[in-house]
C-alpha atoms as a PDB file:
ATOM      1  CA  UNK A   1      15.386 -15.643  -3.200  1.00  0.00           C
ATOM      2  CA  UNK A   2      13.461 -14.146  -6.048  1.00  0.00           C
ATOM      3  CA  UNK A   3      15.068 -11.252  -8.077  1.00  0.00           C
ATOM      4  CA  UNK A   4      13.241  -8.734 -10.011  1.00  0.00           C
ATOM      5  CA  UNK A   5      14.551  -6.281 -12.571  1.00  0.00           C
ATOM      6  CA  UNK A   6      12.938  -3.117 -11.004  1.00  0.00           C
ATOM      7  CA  UNK A   7      11.308  -2.430  -7.558  1.00  0.00           C
ATOM      8  CA  UNK A   8       8.651   0.107  -7.732  1.00  0.00           C
ATOM      9  CA  UNK A   9       6.867   2.057  -5.022  1.00  0.00           C
ATOM     10  CA  UNK A  10       3.552   4.004  -5.514  1.00  0.00           C
ATOM     11  CA  UNK A  11       2.563   6.319  -2.907  1.00  0.00           C
ATOM     12  CA  UNK A  12      -1.278   6.260  -3.369  1.00  0.00           C
ATOM     13  CA  UNK A  13      -4.257   8.451  -2.953  1.00  0.00           C
ATOM     14  CA  UNK A  14      -7.898   8.089  -2.221  1.00  0.00           C
ATOM     15  CA  UNK A  15      -8.755  11.553  -2.949  1.00  0.00           C
ATOM     16  CA  UNK A  16     -11.899  12.521  -4.983  1.00  0.00           C
ATOM     17  CA  UNK A  17     -11.380  13.699  -8.581  1.00  0.00           C
ATOM     18  CA  UNK A  18      -9.609  12.612 -11.832  1.00  0.00           C
ATOM     19  CA  UNK A  19      -5.937  13.628 -10.982  1.00  0.00           C
ATOM     20  CA  UNK A  20      -4.270  13.330  -7.814  1.00  0.00           C
ATOM     21  CA  UNK A  21      -1.207  15.329  -6.389  1.00  0.00           C
ATOM     22  CA  UNK A  22      -0.867  12.738  -3.811  1.00  0.00           C
ATOM     23  CA  UNK A  23       0.223   9.937  -6.057  1.00  0.00           C
ATOM     24  CA  UNK A  24       4.033   9.537  -6.514  1.00  0.00           C
ATOM     25  CA  UNK A  25       5.815   6.668  -8.369  1.00  0.00           C
ATOM     26  CA  UNK A  26       9.530   5.681  -7.945  1.00  0.00           C
ATOM     27  CA  UNK A  27      11.695   2.783  -8.917  1.00  0.00           C
ATOM     28  CA  UNK A  28      14.955   1.418  -7.793  1.00  0.00           C
ATOM     29  CA  UNK A  29      16.750  -0.986 -10.150  1.00  0.00           C
ATOM     30  CA  UNK A  30      20.351  -2.634 -10.027  1.00  0.00           C
ATOM     31  CA  UNK A  31      22.552  -0.666  -7.557  1.00  0.00           C
ATOM     32  CA  UNK A  32      21.572   2.784  -9.034  1.00  0.00           C
ATOM     33  CA  UNK A  33      19.904   5.348  -6.851  1.00  0.00           C
ATOM     34  CA  UNK A  34      16.007   5.279  -6.885  1.00  0.00           C
ATOM     35  CA  UNK A  35      14.466   7.757  -9.284  1.00  0.00           C
ATOM     36  CA  UNK A  36      10.953   9.128  -9.602  1.00  0.00           C
ATOM     37  CA  UNK A  37       8.857   8.168 -12.762  1.00  0.00           C
ATOM     38  CA  UNK A  38       7.517  11.285 -14.557  1.00  0.00           C
ATOM     39  CA  UNK A  39       8.385  13.700 -11.904  1.00  0.00           C
ATOM     40  CA  UNK A  40       5.945  16.692 -11.907  1.00  0.00           C
ATOM     41  CA  UNK A  41       3.256  14.629 -13.728  1.00  0.00           C
ATOM     42  CA  UNK A  42      -0.214  14.611 -11.789  1.00  0.00           C
ATOM     43  CA  UNK A  43      -1.301  10.944 -11.982  1.00  0.00           C
ATOM     44  CA  UNK A  44      -4.745   9.501 -12.093  1.00  0.00           C
ATOM     45  CA  UNK A  45      -5.421   6.126 -10.656  1.00  0.00           C
ATOM     46  CA  UNK A  46      -6.425   4.827 -14.032  1.00  0.00           C
ATOM     47  CA  UNK A  47      -3.135   5.997 -15.507  1.00  0.00           C
ATOM     48  CA  UNK A  48      -1.237   4.034 -12.892  1.00  0.00           C
ATOM     49  CA  UNK A  49      -3.144   1.031 -13.654  1.00  0.00           C
ATOM     50  CA  UNK A  50      -2.342   1.251 -17.492  1.00  0.00           C
ATOM     51  CA  UNK A  51       1.313   1.969 -16.733  1.00  0.00           C
ATOM     52  CA  UNK A  52       1.747  -0.892 -14.360  1.00  0.00           C
ATOM     53  CA  UNK A  53       0.189  -3.210 -16.853  1.00  0.00           C
ATOM     54  CA  UNK A  54       2.607  -2.363 -19.610  1.00  0.00           C
ATOM     55  CA  UNK A  55       5.590  -2.249 -17.215  1.00  0.00           C
ATOM     56  CA  UNK A  56       4.723  -5.640 -15.861  1.00  0.00           C
ATOM     57  CA  UNK A  57       4.682  -7.209 -19.222  1.00  0.00           C
ATOM     58  CA  UNK A  58       7.973  -5.596 -20.227  1.00  0.00           C
ATOM     59  CA  UNK A  59      10.196  -6.920 -17.372  1.00  0.00           C
ATOM     60  CA  UNK A  60       9.771  -8.629 -13.960  1.00  0.00           C
ATOM     61  CA  UNK A  61       8.843  -5.823 -11.484  1.00  0.00           C
ATOM     62  CA  UNK A  62       7.830  -5.878  -7.775  1.00  0.00           C
ATOM     63  CA  UNK A  63       5.378  -3.203  -7.513  1.00  0.00           C
ATOM     64  CA  UNK A  64       4.291  -1.825  -3.871  1.00  0.00           C
ATOM     65  CA  UNK A  65       1.082   0.160  -2.952  1.00  0.00           C
ATOM     66  CA  UNK A  66       0.791   1.946   0.286  1.00  0.00           C
ATOM     67  CA  UNK A  67      -2.873   1.026   1.091  1.00  0.00           C
ATOM     68  CA  UNK A  68      -4.516  -1.961   2.865  1.00  0.00           C
ATOM     69  CA  UNK A  69      -5.130  -4.829   0.614  1.00  0.00           C
ATOM     70  CA  UNK A  70      -8.181  -5.839   2.757  1.00  0.00           C
ATOM     71  CA  UNK A  71      -9.931  -4.750   5.804  1.00  0.00           C
ATOM     72  CA  UNK A  72      -9.517  -6.608   9.054  1.00  0.00           C
ATOM     73  CA  UNK A  73     -11.575  -9.901   9.204  1.00  0.00           C
ATOM     74  CA  UNK A  74      -9.828 -12.294  11.633  1.00  0.00           C
ATOM     75  CA  UNK A  75     -10.691 -10.352  14.766  1.00  0.00           C
ATOM     76  CA  UNK A  76     -14.483 -10.251  14.303  1.00  0.00           C
ATOM     77  CA  UNK A  77     -15.143 -12.884  11.595  1.00  0.00           C
ATOM     78  CA  UNK A  78     -16.546 -10.302   9.166  1.00  0.00           C
ATOM     79  CA  UNK A  79     -15.440  -7.263   7.142  1.00  0.00           C
ATOM     80  CA  UNK A  80     -18.646  -5.260   7.879  1.00  0.00           C
ATOM     81  CA  UNK A  81     -20.193  -7.007  10.702  1.00  0.00           C
ATOM     82  CA  UNK A  82     -24.040  -7.535  10.629  1.00  0.00           C
ATOM     83  CA  UNK A  83     -24.200  -6.810   6.824  1.00  0.00           C
ATOM     84  CA  UNK A  84     -25.760  -9.444   4.650  1.00  0.00           C
ATOM     85  CA  UNK A  85     -24.141 -10.715   1.495  1.00  0.00           C
ATOM     86  CA  UNK A  86     -20.568  -9.527   2.265  1.00  0.00           C
ATOM     87  CA  UNK A  87     -17.874 -11.936   1.106  1.00  0.00           C
ATOM     88  CA  UNK A  88     -15.121 -13.234   3.477  1.00  0.00           C
ATOM     89  CA  UNK A  89     -12.130 -13.360   1.195  1.00  0.00           C
ATOM     90  CA  UNK A  90     -10.175 -10.335  -0.069  1.00  0.00           C
ATOM     91  CA  UNK A  91     -10.594 -11.108  -3.745  1.00  0.00           C
ATOM     92  CA  UNK A  92     -14.338 -11.435  -3.414  1.00  0.00           C
ATOM     93  CA  UNK A  93     -14.434  -8.392  -1.300  1.00  0.00           C
ATOM     94  CA  UNK A  94     -12.610  -6.254  -4.026  1.00  0.00           C
ATOM     95  CA  UNK A  95     -15.397  -7.174  -6.489  1.00  0.00           C
ATOM     96  CA  UNK A  96     -17.988  -6.349  -3.854  1.00  0.00           C
ATOM     97  CA  UNK A  97     -16.432  -2.881  -3.446  1.00  0.00           C
ATOM     98  CA  UNK A  98     -16.194  -2.438  -7.211  1.00  0.00           C
ATOM     99  CA  UNK A  99     -20.017  -3.127  -7.390  1.00  0.00           C
ATOM    100  CA  UNK A 100     -20.867  -0.676  -4.914  1.00  0.00           C
ATOM    101  CA  UNK A 101     -18.443   2.383  -5.488  1.00  0.00           C
ATOM    102  CA  UNK A 102     -19.549   4.636  -8.499  1.00  0.00           C
ATOM    103  CA  UNK A 103     -16.697   7.467  -7.989  1.00  0.00           C
ATOM    104  CA  UNK A 104     -14.739   8.437 -11.017  1.00  0.00           C
ATOM    105  CA  UNK A 105     -11.213   7.312 -11.336  1.00  0.00           C
ATOM    106  CA  UNK A 106     -11.667   4.295  -9.144  1.00  0.00           C
ATOM    107  CA  UNK A 107     -12.520   6.356  -6.193  1.00  0.00           C
ATOM    108  CA  UNK A 108     -14.593   4.765  -3.419  1.00  0.00           C
ATOM    109  CA  UNK A 109     -15.821   7.546  -1.181  1.00  0.00           C
ATOM    110  CA  UNK A 110     -19.288   6.553  -2.139  1.00  0.00           C
ATOM    111  CA  UNK A 111     -18.693   3.035  -0.578  1.00  0.00           C
ATOM    112  CA  UNK A 112     -17.718   4.618   2.719  1.00  0.00           C
ATOM    113  CA  UNK A 113     -20.110   7.545   2.744  1.00  0.00           C
ATOM    114  CA  UNK A 114     -23.243   6.037   1.338  1.00  0.00           C
ATOM    115  CA  UNK A 115     -23.119   2.266   0.750  1.00  0.00           C
ATOM    116  CA  UNK A 116     -21.717   1.288   4.207  1.00  0.00           C
ATOM    117  CA  UNK A 117     -21.667   4.637   6.235  1.00  0.00           C
ATOM    118  CA  UNK A 118     -22.262   3.198   9.918  1.00  0.00           C
ATOM    119  CA  UNK A 119     -18.936   1.206   9.580  1.00  0.00           C
ATOM    120  CA  UNK A 120     -16.636   4.325   9.241  1.00  0.00           C
ATOM    121  CA  UNK A 121     -15.554   7.046  11.503  1.00  0.00           C
ATOM    122  CA  UNK A 122     -16.004  10.447   9.959  1.00  0.00           C
ATOM    123  CA  UNK A 123     -15.721  12.520  13.273  1.00  0.00           C
ATOM    124  CA  UNK A 124     -17.177  13.055  16.695  1.00  0.00           C
ATOM    125  CA  UNK A 125     -20.738  12.818  15.758  1.00  0.00           C
ATOM    126  CA  UNK A 126     -20.004   9.007  15.183  1.00  0.00           C
ATOM    127  CA  UNK A 127     -19.272   8.445  18.772  1.00  0.00           C
ATOM    128  CA  UNK A 128     -16.065   7.002  20.202  1.00  0.00           C
ATOM    129  CA  UNK A 129     -13.371   6.488  17.594  1.00  0.00           C
ATOM    130  CA  UNK A 130     -11.821   3.659  19.447  1.00  0.00           C
ATOM    131  CA  UNK A 131     -15.015   1.611  18.720  1.00  0.00           C
ATOM    132  CA  UNK A 132     -14.335   1.873  14.862  1.00  0.00           C
ATOM    133  CA  UNK A 133     -10.557   0.981  15.006  1.00  0.00           C
ATOM    134  CA  UNK A 134      -9.743  -2.604  14.083  1.00  0.00           C
ATOM    135  CA  UNK A 135      -6.445  -3.982  12.871  1.00  0.00           C
ATOM    136  CA  UNK A 136      -5.326  -6.933  10.671  1.00  0.00           C
ATOM    137  CA  UNK A 137      -3.089  -9.518  11.904  1.00  0.00           C
ATOM    138  CA  UNK A 138      -0.120  -8.115  10.225  1.00  0.00           C
ATOM    139  CA  UNK A 139      -0.787  -4.737  11.724  1.00  0.00           C
ATOM    140  CA  UNK A 140      -1.070  -6.236  15.086  1.00  0.00           C
ATOM    141  CA  UNK A 141       2.194  -8.019  14.624  1.00  0.00           C
ATOM    142  CA  UNK A 142       3.872  -4.748  13.321  1.00  0.00           C
ATOM    143  CA  UNK A 143       2.514  -2.604  16.310  1.00  0.00           C
ATOM    144  CA  UNK A 144       3.841  -5.461  18.826  1.00  0.00           C
ATOM    145  CA  UNK A 145       7.381  -4.945  17.251  1.00  0.00           C
ATOM    146  CA  UNK A 146       7.100  -1.132  17.921  1.00  0.00           C
ATOM    147  CA  UNK A 147       6.058  -0.302  14.262  1.00  0.00           C
ATOM    148  CA  UNK A 148       3.379   2.177  15.488  1.00  0.00           C
ATOM    149  CA  UNK A 149       0.765   1.558  12.632  1.00  0.00           C
ATOM    150  CA  UNK A 150      -2.226   3.437  14.116  1.00  0.00           C
ATOM    151  CA  UNK A 151      -4.481   4.090  11.175  1.00  0.00           C
ATOM    152  CA  UNK A 152      -7.228   1.618  10.540  1.00  0.00           C
ATOM    153  CA  UNK A 153      -9.170   1.048   7.329  1.00  0.00           C
ATOM    154  CA  UNK A 154     -12.384   2.177   9.007  1.00  0.00           C
ATOM    155  CA  UNK A 155     -10.976   5.510  10.093  1.00  0.00           C
ATOM    156  CA  UNK A 156     -12.221   8.006   7.419  1.00  0.00           C
ATOM    157  CA  UNK A 157     -11.285  11.343   8.992  1.00  0.00           C
ATOM    158  CA  UNK A 158      -8.034  13.417   9.141  1.00  0.00           C
ATOM    159  CA  UNK A 159      -4.701  13.640   7.075  1.00  0.00           C
ATOM    160  CA  UNK A 160      -3.557  10.314   8.548  1.00  0.00           C
ATOM    161  CA  UNK A 161      -6.644   8.177   7.481  1.00  0.00           C
ATOM    162  CA  UNK A 162      -6.308   5.500   5.256  1.00  0.00           C
ATOM    163  CA  UNK A 163      -9.796   4.424   4.441  1.00  0.00           C
ATOM    164  CA  UNK A 164     -10.371   6.339   1.249  1.00  0.00           C
ATOM    165  CA  UNK A 165      -7.092   5.166  -0.091  1.00  0.00           C
ATOM    166  CA  UNK A 166      -7.483   1.638   0.828  1.00  0.00           C
ATOM    167  CA  UNK A 167     -10.979   1.147  -0.550  1.00  0.00           C
ATOM    168  CA  UNK A 168     -10.089   2.949  -4.004  1.00  0.00           C
ATOM    169  CA  UNK A 169      -7.048   0.695  -3.988  1.00  0.00           C
ATOM    170  CA  UNK A 170      -9.344  -2.352  -3.575  1.00  0.00           C
ATOM    171  CA  UNK A 171     -11.075  -1.416  -6.820  1.00  0.00           C
ATOM    172  CA  UNK A 172      -7.674  -1.203  -8.403  1.00  0.00           C
ATOM    173  CA  UNK A 173      -6.769  -4.615  -7.231  1.00  0.00           C
ATOM    174  CA  UNK A 174     -10.009  -5.780  -8.714  1.00  0.00           C
ATOM    175  CA  UNK A 175      -8.963  -4.490 -12.059  1.00  0.00           C
ATOM    176  CA  UNK A 176      -5.430  -6.050 -11.760  1.00  0.00           C
ATOM    177  CA  UNK A 177      -6.721  -9.481 -10.440  1.00  0.00           C
ATOM    178  CA  UNK A 178      -5.704 -12.235 -12.911  1.00  0.00           C
ATOM    179  CA  UNK A 179      -3.343 -10.150 -14.837  1.00  0.00           C
ATOM    180  CA  UNK A 180      -0.624  -9.579 -12.274  1.00  0.00           C
ATOM    181  CA  UNK A 181       0.191 -11.731  -9.192  1.00  0.00           C
ATOM    182  CA  UNK A 182      -1.077  -9.949  -6.020  1.00  0.00           C
ATOM    183  CA  UNK A 183       0.897 -11.265  -2.983  1.00  0.00           C
ATOM    184  CA  UNK A 184       0.101 -12.955  -0.815  1.00  0.00           C
ATOM    185  CA  UNK A 185      -3.433 -13.739  -1.975  1.00  0.00           C
ATOM    186  CA  UNK A 186      -1.537 -15.160  -5.065  1.00  0.00           C
ATOM    187  CA  UNK A 187       1.804 -17.272  -4.406  1.00  0.00           C
ATOM    188  CA  UNK A 188       4.780 -15.272  -5.525  1.00  0.00           C
ATOM    189  CA  UNK A 189       5.361 -16.331  -9.209  1.00  0.00           C
ATOM    190  CA  UNK A 190       8.739 -17.893 -10.150  1.00  0.00           C
ATOM    191  CA  UNK A 191       9.023 -15.559 -13.094  1.00  0.00           C
ATOM    192  CA  UNK A 192       6.973 -12.281 -14.050  1.00  0.00           C
ATOM    193  CA  UNK A 193       5.936  -9.294 -11.972  1.00  0.00           C
ATOM    194  CA  UNK A 194       4.028  -9.148  -8.501  1.00  0.00           C
ATOM    195  CA  UNK A 195       2.088  -6.421  -6.529  1.00  0.00           C
ATOM    196  CA  UNK A 196       2.529  -6.043  -2.590  1.00  0.00           C
ATOM    197  CA  UNK A 197       1.349  -3.979   0.077  1.00  0.00           C
ATOM    198  CA  UNK A 198       3.834  -1.533   1.399  1.00  0.00           C
ATOM    199  CA  UNK A 199       4.344   0.783   4.581  1.00  0.00           C
ATOM    200  CA  UNK A 200       6.986   3.309   4.499  1.00  0.00           C
ATOM    201  CA  UNK A 201       7.539   3.536   8.120  1.00  0.00           C
ATOM    202  CA  UNK A 202       9.026   0.017   7.988  1.00  0.00           C
ATOM    203  CA  UNK A 203      11.727   1.279   5.709  1.00  0.00           C
ATOM    204  CA  UNK A 204      12.405   4.466   7.701  1.00  0.00           C
ATOM    205  CA  UNK A 205      13.017   2.218  10.730  1.00  0.00           C
ATOM    206  CA  UNK A 206      15.429  -0.058   8.745  1.00  0.00           C
ATOM    207  CA  UNK A 207      17.207   3.155   7.890  1.00  0.00           C
ATOM    208  CA  UNK A 208      17.562   3.991  11.455  1.00  0.00           C
ATOM    209  CA  UNK A 209      15.313   6.979  11.267  1.00  0.00           C
ATOM    210  CA  UNK A 210      12.482   7.857  13.712  1.00  0.00           C
ATOM    211  CA  UNK A 211       9.678   7.671  11.167  1.00  0.00           C
ATOM    212  CA  UNK A 212       9.281  11.422  10.608  1.00  0.00           C
ATOM    213  CA  UNK A 213       8.080  12.749   7.105  1.00  0.00           C
ATOM    214  CA  UNK A 214      11.009  13.548   4.847  1.00  0.00           C
ATOM    215  CA  UNK A 215      10.541  16.820   2.869  1.00  0.00           C
ATOM    216  CA  UNK A 216      14.253  17.651   1.850  1.00  0.00           C
ATOM    217  CA  UNK A 217      16.831  16.103  -0.225  1.00  0.00           C
ATOM    218  CA  UNK A 218      19.210  15.858   2.686  1.00  0.00           C
ATOM    219  CA  UNK A 219      16.714  13.922   4.758  1.00  0.00           C
ATOM    220  CA  UNK A 220      15.795  11.670   1.779  1.00  0.00           C
ATOM    221  CA  UNK A 221      19.374  10.873   1.175  1.00  0.00           C
ATOM    222  CA  UNK A 222      20.160  10.023   4.972  1.00  0.00           C
ATOM    223  CA  UNK A 223      17.438   7.465   4.650  1.00  0.00           C
ATOM    224  CA  UNK A 224      18.740   6.145   1.201  1.00  0.00           C
ATOM    225  CA  UNK A 225      22.293   5.633   2.719  1.00  0.00           C
ATOM    226  CA  UNK A 226      20.697   3.945   5.633  1.00  0.00           C
ATOM    227  CA  UNK A 227      19.009   1.416   3.344  1.00  0.00           C
ATOM    228  CA  UNK A 228      22.434   0.731   1.451  1.00  0.00           C
ATOM    229  CA  UNK A 229      21.352   2.756  -1.450  1.00  0.00           C
ATOM    230  CA  UNK A 230      23.262   5.473  -3.475  1.00  0.00           C
ATOM    231  CA  UNK A 231      21.836   9.121  -2.851  1.00  0.00           C
ATOM    232  CA  UNK A 232      19.023  10.299  -5.287  1.00  0.00           C
ATOM    233  CA  UNK A 233      19.985  13.054  -7.722  1.00  0.00           C
ATOM    234  CA  UNK A 234      17.109  15.500  -7.498  1.00  0.00           C
ATOM    235  CA  UNK A 235      17.331  19.053  -8.618  1.00  0.00           C
ATOM    236  CA  UNK A 236      14.369  20.252  -6.457  1.00  0.00           C
ATOM    237  CA  UNK A 237      13.283  19.778  -2.995  1.00  0.00           C
ATOM    238  CA  UNK A 238      10.813  16.873  -2.965  1.00  0.00           C
ATOM    239  CA  UNK A 239       7.510  16.668  -1.300  1.00  0.00           C
ATOM    240  CA  UNK A 240       6.616  13.763   1.232  1.00  0.00           C
ATOM    241  CA  UNK A 241       4.824  11.883  -1.319  1.00  0.00           C
ATOM    242  CA  UNK A 242       7.909  11.763  -3.504  1.00  0.00           C
ATOM    243  CA  UNK A 243      10.272  10.996  -0.632  1.00  0.00           C
ATOM    244  CA  UNK A 244       7.979   8.248   0.607  1.00  0.00           C
ATOM    245  CA  UNK A 245       7.844   6.622  -2.850  1.00  0.00           C
ATOM    246  CA  UNK A 246      11.794   6.820  -3.339  1.00  0.00           C
ATOM    247  CA  UNK A 247      12.691   5.551   0.213  1.00  0.00           C
ATOM    248  CA  UNK A 248      10.189   2.654  -0.195  1.00  0.00           C
ATOM    249  CA  UNK A 249      11.554   1.691  -3.620  1.00  0.00           C
ATOM    250  CA  UNK A 250      15.079   1.495  -2.167  1.00  0.00           C
ATOM    251  CA  UNK A 251      13.780  -0.362   0.943  1.00  0.00           C
ATOM    252  CA  UNK A 252      11.737  -2.882  -1.154  1.00  0.00           C
ATOM    253  CA  UNK A 253      14.942  -3.597  -3.184  1.00  0.00           C
ATOM    254  CA  UNK A 254      17.038  -4.167  -0.141  1.00  0.00           C
ATOM    255  CA  UNK A 255      14.482  -6.261   1.673  1.00  0.00           C
ATOM    256  CA  UNK A 256      13.739  -8.405  -1.399  1.00  0.00           C
ATOM    257  CA  UNK A 257      17.462  -9.133  -2.044  1.00  0.00           C
ATOM    258  CA  UNK A 258      18.832  -9.606   1.392  1.00  0.00           C
ATOM    259  CA  UNK A 259      16.120 -10.908   3.534  1.00  0.00           C
ATOM    260  CA  UNK A 260      15.222 -14.745   3.330  1.00  0.00           C
ATOM    261  CA  UNK A 261      11.969 -14.257   5.102  1.00  0.00           C
ATOM    262  CA  UNK A 262      10.568 -11.432   2.934  1.00  0.00           C
ATOM    263  CA  UNK A 263       7.982 -13.512   1.187  1.00  0.00           C
ATOM    264  CA  UNK A 264       7.599 -15.970   4.054  1.00  0.00           C
ATOM    265  CA  UNK A 265       7.276 -13.987   7.186  1.00  0.00           C
ATOM    266  CA  UNK A 266       6.288 -15.469  10.687  1.00  0.00           C
ATOM    267  CA  UNK A 267       2.686 -15.539  11.164  1.00  0.00           C
ATOM    268  CA  UNK A 268       1.317 -15.628   7.687  1.00  0.00           C
ATOM    269  CA  UNK A 269      -1.150 -18.352   7.297  1.00  0.00           C
ATOM    270  CA  UNK A 270      -3.152 -19.345   4.106  1.00  0.00           C
ATOM    271  CA  UNK A 271      -6.386 -18.071   5.846  1.00  0.00           C
ATOM    272  CA  UNK A 272      -4.613 -14.625   6.736  1.00  0.00           C
ATOM    273  CA  UNK A 273      -3.316 -14.441   3.059  1.00  0.00           C
ATOM    274  CA  UNK A 274      -6.805 -14.962   1.573  1.00  0.00           C
ATOM    275  CA  UNK A 275      -8.614 -12.993   4.012  1.00  0.00           C
ATOM    276  CA  UNK A 276      -6.500 -10.110   5.130  1.00  0.00           C
ATOM    277  CA  UNK A 277      -3.369 -10.023   3.139  1.00  0.00           C
ATOM    278  CA  UNK A 278       0.028  -8.923   4.602  1.00  0.00           C
ATOM    279  CA  UNK A 279       2.190  -5.853   4.506  1.00  0.00           C
ATOM    280  CA  UNK A 280       5.682  -6.522   2.651  1.00  0.00           C
ATOM    281  CA  UNK A 281       8.302  -6.159   5.353  1.00  0.00           C
ATOM    282  CA  UNK A 282       6.363  -7.128   8.508  1.00  0.00           C
ATOM    283  CA  UNK A 283       8.519 -10.191   9.209  1.00  0.00           C
END
């Protein structure tokens, strides 16, 4: 089983602007309690990119990001059905998004709202929401196991939407490509750092919790204990972005160090890896 010096979870944001209160970064290392990186700091996506590249060069680190690394493709055979010139692999699609999104700080709202508006659901004026909702193979597998992943990369409205975060994340991955291994598009390296996709609800389930948002130190530490971690030592009540990052960092550490199938899950094929990716923790 591959060992890393640190396990880092990044609660991501696809919001417009240069700084984002929705971004939180936490790390777990050794058997210590997970901790926040620069608590109180308001991160930009570009800052996260620079920090990750520096950290990955210093020590082997597993980084997790909570956005979809690619849209669904297997179900319909295309990311954006009916469009011409759209690639059919995740890596090429990241470059495609980068070439058509012009928002500051790696944002991608313009890709959804202008470049390919008909493919995304923004409200009742677009018709029936169910017609837009498509899932990747790993999402379908998680749902079949009771994982309750209901947000689709094509759903761009509401607090639970993941479209803007995911497409801004694809611009981020394009900048990382070739510098740090991105699993499962890249094989897990024998040495060095890697980046994976994460989903906090997986770790809340592993901790024995129902999947509710954690907004207190008490709730946070119940989740951490359920993941075999020491409780966090915070001097303030965390927000849900911070608790998501802390719980997921601890969960990544537990999964990577105790589960032989962590990087070899059932159902992951080479085609799925290159076209859609996979969520770390869907086994």
